[in-house]
Amino acid sequence: MTAVGSVDVELEVMKWLRPRLGPDVVVRDELDNNLLEELPTVQVQRVPAGGDDGIRLDRALVDVDVYAASRADAIALSATIRGLLLGELRGSATDAAVVSRVGTISPPAARPYENTALRRVGATYEIYSHPA
């Protein structure tokens, strides 16, 4: 039996999103100094909350932040991502994980960011998964 925590939910969500968002969208877990040259960028990060059943089932809270040149672009891409996560990720499988449930904890909304040359819209999702 595979231990809980063996599935990197951030990595699985990033790998799952990339082909669905296309080559013009950067999907990563950490931002770098070239952010303005890499818009739009989607940042996926697991929040230090959630839990597991101690055997196989993991309940991850995942922040998905979209950075774009305009608020409208950030909102549109966030809405697309929300639709993908709720409509297609739920019930799917990757090479490493099976996703049994996806829910919205905090829907897409503008989030502050210190660089006024771009806009940030973020949401938090609850993702239940277990190793494949």
C-alpha atoms as a PDB file:
ATOM      1  CA  MET A   1       0.000   0.000   0.000  1.00  0.00           C
ATOM      2  CA  THR A   2       1.263   3.491  -0.872  1.00  0.00           C
ATOM      3  CA  ALA A   3       1.576   5.900   2.026  1.00  0.00           C
ATOM      4  CA  VAL A   4      -0.418   9.124   2.160  1.00  0.00           C
ATOM      5  CA  GLY A   5       1.590  12.061   0.914  1.00  0.00           C
ATOM      6  CA  SER A   6       3.214  10.134  -1.922  1.00  0.00           C
ATOM      7  CA  VAL A   7       1.146  12.100  -4.441  1.00  0.00           C
ATOM      8  CA  ASP A   8       2.347  15.661  -5.034  1.00  0.00           C
ATOM      9  CA  VAL A   9      -1.009  17.356  -5.628  1.00  0.00           C
ATOM     10  CA  GLU A  10       0.627  20.592  -6.833  1.00  0.00           C
ATOM     11  CA  LEU A  11       2.627  18.727  -9.455  1.00  0.00           C
ATOM     12  CA  GLU A  12      -0.339  16.635 -10.598  1.00  0.00           C
ATOM     13  CA  VAL A  13      -2.597  19.695 -10.975  1.00  0.00           C
ATOM     14  CA  MET A  14       0.122  21.591 -12.877  1.00  0.00           C
ATOM     15  CA  LYS A  15       0.766  18.667 -15.244  1.00  0.00           C
ATOM     16  CA  TRP A  16      -2.978  18.212 -15.745  1.00  0.00           C
ATOM     17  CA  LEU A  17      -3.628  21.916 -16.471  1.00  0.00           C
ATOM     18  CA  ARG A  18      -0.759  22.583 -18.908  1.00  0.00           C
ATOM     19  CA  PRO A  19      -2.136  20.809 -21.989  1.00  0.00           C
ATOM     20  CA  ARG A  20      -5.630  22.146 -21.317  1.00  0.00           C
ATOM     21  CA  LEU A  21      -4.521  25.788 -21.062  1.00  0.00           C
ATOM     22  CA  GLY A  22      -2.172  25.654 -24.041  1.00  0.00           C
ATOM     23  CA  PRO A  23       1.393  26.735 -24.757  1.00  0.00           C
ATOM     24  CA  ASP A  24       0.780  30.463 -24.205  1.00  0.00           C
ATOM     25  CA  VAL A  25      -0.011  30.017 -20.493  1.00  0.00           C
ATOM     26  CA  VAL A  26       2.818  29.398 -18.021  1.00  0.00           C
ATOM     27  CA  VAL A  27       1.806  27.015 -15.214  1.00  0.00           C
ATOM     28  CA  ARG A  28       4.171  26.779 -12.238  1.00  0.00           C
ATOM     29  CA  ASP A  29       4.405  26.452  -8.477  1.00  0.00           C
ATOM     30  CA  GLU A  30       6.850  29.318  -7.819  1.00  0.00           C
ATOM     31  CA  LEU A  31       7.065  32.743  -9.407  1.00  0.00           C
ATOM     32  CA  ASP A  32      10.327  34.077 -10.763  1.00  0.00           C
ATOM     33  CA  ASN A  33      11.763  37.504 -11.635  1.00  0.00           C
ATOM     34  CA  ASN A  34      10.555  37.299 -15.256  1.00  0.00           C
ATOM     35  CA  LEU A  35       6.857  37.326 -14.365  1.00  0.00           C
ATOM     36  CA  LEU A  36       6.024  40.370 -16.521  1.00  0.00           C
ATOM     37  CA  GLU A  37       7.512  38.635 -19.569  1.00  0.00           C
ATOM     38  CA  GLU A  38       5.616  35.396 -18.864  1.00  0.00           C
ATOM     39  CA  LEU A  39       2.005  36.548 -18.710  1.00  0.00           C
ATOM     40  CA  PRO A  40      -0.375  34.927 -18.291  1.00  0.00           C
ATOM     41  CA  THR A  41       1.060  32.804 -15.499  1.00  0.00           C
ATOM     42  CA  VAL A  42      -0.879  30.360 -13.329  1.00  0.00           C
ATOM     43  CA  GLN A  43       0.597  29.575  -9.909  1.00  0.00           C
ATOM     44  CA  VAL A  44      -0.522  26.373  -8.171  1.00  0.00           C
ATOM     45  CA  GLN A  45       0.306  25.972  -4.475  1.00  0.00           C
ATOM     46  CA  ARG A  46      -0.920  23.626  -1.790  1.00  0.00           C
ATOM     47  CA  VAL A  47      -2.110  25.508   1.287  1.00  0.00           C
ATOM     48  CA  PRO A  48      -0.831  24.261   4.673  1.00  0.00           C
ATOM     49  CA  ALA A  49      -4.280  22.934   5.596  1.00  0.00           C
ATOM     50  CA  GLY A  50      -6.432  19.978   4.660  1.00  0.00           C
ATOM     51  CA  GLY A  51      -5.824  16.470   5.899  1.00  0.00           C
ATOM     52  CA  ASP A  52      -5.883  12.792   5.129  1.00  0.00           C
ATOM     53  CA  ASP A  53      -7.360   9.547   6.396  1.00  0.00           C
ATOM     54  CA  GLY A  54      -3.959   8.181   7.429  1.00  0.00           C
ATOM     55  CA  ILE A  55      -4.099   5.450   4.801  1.00  0.00           C
ATOM     56  CA  ARG A  56      -4.639   6.642   1.226  1.00  0.00           C
ATOM     57  CA  LEU A  57      -7.126   9.514   0.877  1.00  0.00           C
ATOM     58  CA  ASP A  58      -5.645  13.030   0.786  1.00  0.00           C
ATOM     59  CA  ARG A  59      -7.724  16.216   1.169  1.00  0.00           C
ATOM     60  CA  ALA A  60      -5.605  19.040  -0.221  1.00  0.00           C
ATOM     61  CA  LEU A  61      -6.468  22.728  -0.250  1.00  0.00           C
ATOM     62  CA  VAL A  62      -4.878  24.265  -3.332  1.00  0.00           C
ATOM     63  CA  ASP A  63      -4.545  27.941  -4.240  1.00  0.00           C
ATOM     64  CA  VAL A  64      -4.629  28.731  -7.946  1.00  0.00           C
ATOM     65  CA  ASP A  65      -3.534  32.293  -8.722  1.00  0.00           C
ATOM     66  CA  VAL A  66      -3.664  33.809 -12.199  1.00  0.00           C
ATOM     67  CA  TYR A  67      -1.351  36.685 -13.112  1.00  0.00           C
ATOM     68  CA  ALA A  68      -2.249  38.584 -16.285  1.00  0.00           C
ATOM     69  CA  ALA A  69      -1.780  41.973 -17.925  1.00  0.00           C
ATOM     70  CA  SER A  70      -5.369  43.020 -17.242  1.00  0.00           C
ATOM     71  CA  ARG A  71      -8.031  42.258 -14.670  1.00  0.00           C
ATOM     72  CA  ALA A  72     -10.383  41.035 -17.401  1.00  0.00           C
ATOM     73  CA  ASP A  73      -7.769  38.560 -18.689  1.00  0.00           C
ATOM     74  CA  ALA A  74      -7.042  37.284 -15.175  1.00  0.00           C
ATOM     75  CA  ILE A  75     -10.747  36.848 -14.397  1.00  0.00           C
ATOM     76  CA  ALA A  76     -11.420  35.049 -17.701  1.00  0.00           C
ATOM     77  CA  LEU A  77      -8.524  32.622 -17.252  1.00  0.00           C
ATOM     78  CA  SER A  78      -9.526  31.977 -13.623  1.00  0.00           C
ATOM     79  CA  ALA A  79     -13.050  31.153 -14.754  1.00  0.00           C
ATOM     80  CA  THR A  80     -11.701  28.757 -17.381  1.00  0.00           C
ATOM     81  CA  ILE A  81      -9.539  27.022 -14.777  1.00  0.00           C
ATOM     82  CA  ARG A  82     -12.457  26.745 -12.365  1.00  0.00           C
ATOM     83  CA  GLY A  83     -14.574  25.128 -15.058  1.00  0.00           C
ATOM     84  CA  LEU A  84     -11.806  22.658 -15.872  1.00  0.00           C
ATOM     85  CA  LEU A  85     -11.141  21.719 -12.260  1.00  0.00           C
ATOM     86  CA  LEU A  86     -14.806  21.287 -11.316  1.00  0.00           C
ATOM     87  CA  GLY A  87     -15.968  19.782 -14.590  1.00  0.00           C
ATOM     88  CA  GLU A  88     -13.071  17.649 -15.800  1.00  0.00           C
ATOM     89  CA  LEU A  89     -10.515  17.036 -13.033  1.00  0.00           C
ATOM     90  CA  ARG A  90     -13.167  15.539 -10.750  1.00  0.00           C
ATOM     91  CA  GLY A  91     -13.314  11.802 -11.394  1.00  0.00           C
ATOM     92  CA  SER A  92     -10.163  11.773 -13.508  1.00  0.00           C
ATOM     93  CA  ALA A  93      -6.857   9.982 -13.136  1.00  0.00           C
ATOM     94  CA  THR A  94      -3.260  10.905 -13.839  1.00  0.00           C
ATOM     95  CA  ASP A  95      -0.283   8.551 -13.888  1.00  0.00           C
ATOM     96  CA  ALA A  96       0.175   9.121 -10.140  1.00  0.00           C
ATOM     97  CA  ALA A  97      -3.260   9.971  -8.716  1.00  0.00           C
ATOM     98  CA  VAL A  98      -6.995   9.426  -8.882  1.00  0.00           C
ATOM     99  CA  VAL A  99      -9.036  12.548  -8.147  1.00  0.00           C
ATOM    100  CA  SER A 100     -12.334  11.687  -6.533  1.00  0.00           C
ATOM    101  CA  ARG A 101     -13.707  15.110  -5.681  1.00  0.00           C
ATOM    102  CA  VAL A 102     -13.027  18.790  -6.373  1.00  0.00           C
ATOM    103  CA  GLY A 103     -14.828  21.688  -4.716  1.00  0.00           C
ATOM    104  CA  THR A 104     -14.443  25.440  -4.472  1.00  0.00           C
ATOM    105  CA  ILE A 105     -13.461  26.809  -1.072  1.00  0.00           C
ATOM    106  CA  SER A 106     -13.010  30.396  -2.292  1.00  0.00           C
ATOM    107  CA  PRO A 107     -14.158  31.322  -5.833  1.00  0.00           C
ATOM    108  CA  PRO A 108     -11.989  33.427  -8.156  1.00  0.00           C
ATOM    109  CA  ALA A 109     -11.565  36.977  -6.881  1.00  0.00           C
ATOM    110  CA  ALA A 110      -9.057  39.789  -7.227  1.00  0.00           C
ATOM    111  CA  ARG A 111      -6.142  39.418  -4.829  1.00  0.00           C
ATOM    112  CA  PRO A 112      -3.652  42.171  -4.055  1.00  0.00           C
ATOM    113  CA  TYR A 113      -0.228  42.142  -5.678  1.00  0.00           C
ATOM    114  CA  GLU A 114       2.508  44.703  -5.222  1.00  0.00           C
ATOM    115  CA  ASN A 115       3.310  45.095  -8.940  1.00  0.00           C
ATOM    116  CA  THR A 116       0.725  47.416 -10.491  1.00  0.00           C
ATOM    117  CA  ALA A 117       1.766  46.380 -14.033  1.00  0.00           C
ATOM    118  CA  LEU A 118      -0.192  43.146 -13.676  1.00  0.00           C
ATOM    119  CA  ARG A 119      -3.329  41.761 -12.081  1.00  0.00           C
ATOM    120  CA  ARG A 120      -3.811  38.753  -9.808  1.00  0.00           C
ATOM    121  CA  VAL A 121      -6.997  36.725  -9.438  1.00  0.00           C
ATOM    122  CA  GLY A 122      -7.024  33.690  -7.193  1.00  0.00           C
ATOM    123  CA  ALA A 123      -9.204  30.887  -5.926  1.00  0.00           C
ATOM    124  CA  THR A 124      -8.865  28.042  -3.428  1.00  0.00           C
ATOM    125  CA  TYR A 125      -9.994  24.506  -4.223  1.00  0.00           C
ATOM    126  CA  GLU A 126     -10.430  21.370  -2.152  1.00  0.00           C
ATOM    127  CA  ILE A 127      -9.094  18.320  -3.989  1.00  0.00           C
ATOM    128  CA  TYR A 128      -9.581  14.770  -2.742  1.00  0.00           C
ATOM    129  CA  SER A 129      -7.182  12.266  -4.263  1.00  0.00           C
ATOM    130  CA  HIS A 130      -5.400   9.004  -3.653  1.00  0.00           C
ATOM    131  CA  PRO A 131      -2.438   7.295  -5.308  1.00  0.00           C
ATOM    132  CA  ALA A 132      -3.218   5.581  -8.599  1.00  0.00           C
END
